[in-house]
C-alpha cells in the first residue's frame, strides 16, 4: 500500500468551515483538516493515497448537499503543518 501524504486544497464558504471540518473529522483516519486562510475559506485536508478516494467521496457528498467546494487542487507533500 502507498501511504504517501497527499494535500487536497479547496475553497469553501467561510461560514461552512467549522461544519465541514467537523464532518471530515468524524470520518476517523480519512484526513487531517487545516484551515489555510479563514477569511478566504481556504482549507487543506491531509490524507494518504489509500484514503484519498474516501476523502473525494466525502467532498462529493458535501457538494451534493449543496455546499460550495471549489478550486480543488492536489499535491504530494510530507509537511503537514507547513503551507
Protein backbone atom coordinates (compact mmCIF):
# COMPACT_ATOMS: atom_id res chain seq x y z
CA UNK A 1 0.00 0.00 0.00
CA UNK A 2 1.07 3.56 -0.70
CA UNK A 3 0.80 5.78 2.35
CA UNK A 4 2.44 8.87 0.84
CA UNK A 5 0.89 12.08 2.17
CA UNK A 6 -1.48 13.94 -0.16
CA UNK A 7 -2.66 17.51 0.43
CA UNK A 8 -6.08 18.33 -1.04
CA UNK A 9 -6.71 22.09 -1.04
CA UNK A 10 -10.04 23.72 -1.78
CA UNK A 11 -12.12 26.85 -1.24
CA UNK A 12 -15.38 26.82 0.70
CA UNK A 13 -17.82 29.39 2.03
CA UNK A 14 -16.29 30.83 5.21
CA UNK A 15 -19.47 30.19 7.18
CA UNK A 16 -19.12 26.45 6.42
CA UNK A 17 -15.52 25.95 7.62
CA UNK A 18 -16.36 24.64 11.08
CA UNK A 19 -19.18 22.39 9.83
CA UNK A 20 -17.15 20.84 7.01
CA UNK A 21 -14.18 20.43 9.35
CA UNK A 22 -16.35 18.53 11.85
CA UNK A 23 -17.82 16.31 9.11
CA UNK A 24 -14.39 15.34 7.78
CA UNK A 25 -13.04 14.82 11.32
CA UNK A 26 -15.96 12.47 12.07
CA UNK A 27 -14.55 10.04 9.50
CA UNK A 28 -11.72 8.74 11.66
CA UNK A 29 -8.48 8.28 9.77
CA UNK A 30 -9.61 9.75 6.44
CA UNK A 31 -7.74 13.04 6.80
CA UNK A 32 -6.47 15.91 8.91
CA UNK A 33 -8.13 19.25 8.22
CA UNK A 34 -6.20 22.52 8.34
CA UNK A 35 -7.60 25.97 7.65
CA UNK A 36 -5.13 27.83 5.44
CA UNK A 37 -6.95 31.19 5.30
CA UNK A 38 -10.22 31.51 7.25
CA UNK A 39 -11.03 34.91 5.71
CA UNK A 40 -10.94 33.45 2.20
CA UNK A 41 -12.33 30.00 3.04
CA UNK A 42 -9.16 28.16 2.00
CA UNK A 43 -8.86 24.71 3.55
CA UNK A 44 -6.47 21.77 3.16
CA UNK A 45 -7.02 18.14 4.05
CA UNK A 46 -4.02 15.89 4.53
CA UNK A 47 -4.66 12.26 3.68
CA UNK A 48 -2.76 9.41 2.02
CA UNK A 49 -3.05 7.65 -1.31
CA UNK A 50 -5.04 4.80 0.25
CA UNK A 51 -7.65 7.07 1.90
CA UNK A 52 -7.74 9.73 -0.84
CA UNK A 53 -10.68 8.06 -2.63
CA UNK A 54 -12.77 8.26 0.55
CA UNK A 55 -11.84 11.91 1.01
CA UNK A 56 -13.06 12.72 -2.50
CA UNK A 57 -16.25 10.74 -1.80
CA UNK A 58 -16.87 12.94 1.26
CA UNK A 59 -16.26 16.12 -0.75
CA UNK A 60 -18.63 14.88 -3.48
CA UNK A 61 -21.32 14.12 -0.89
CA UNK A 62 -20.95 17.58 0.64
CA UNK A 63 -21.23 19.17 -2.81
CA UNK A 64 -24.34 17.06 -3.48
CA UNK A 65 -25.84 18.51 -0.28
CA UNK A 66 -25.34 22.00 -1.71
CA UNK A 67 -22.04 23.09 -0.15
CA UNK A 68 -19.79 25.18 -2.36
CA UNK A 69 -16.43 23.40 -2.69
CA UNK A 70 -14.30 24.92 -5.43
CA UNK A 71 -10.75 25.08 -6.77
CA UNK A 72 -9.81 21.58 -5.63
CA UNK A 73 -6.08 21.01 -6.01
CA UNK A 74 -3.98 18.04 -5.02
CA UNK A 75 -0.30 17.71 -4.29
CA UNK A 76 2.05 15.23 -2.68
CA UNK A 77 3.65 16.52 0.49
CA UNK A 78 5.33 15.43 3.69
CA UNK A 79 4.88 18.75 5.51
CA UNK A 80 1.51 18.68 7.24
CA UNK A 81 1.95 21.91 9.21
CA UNK A 82 3.87 23.97 6.63
CA UNK A 83 1.97 25.84 3.91
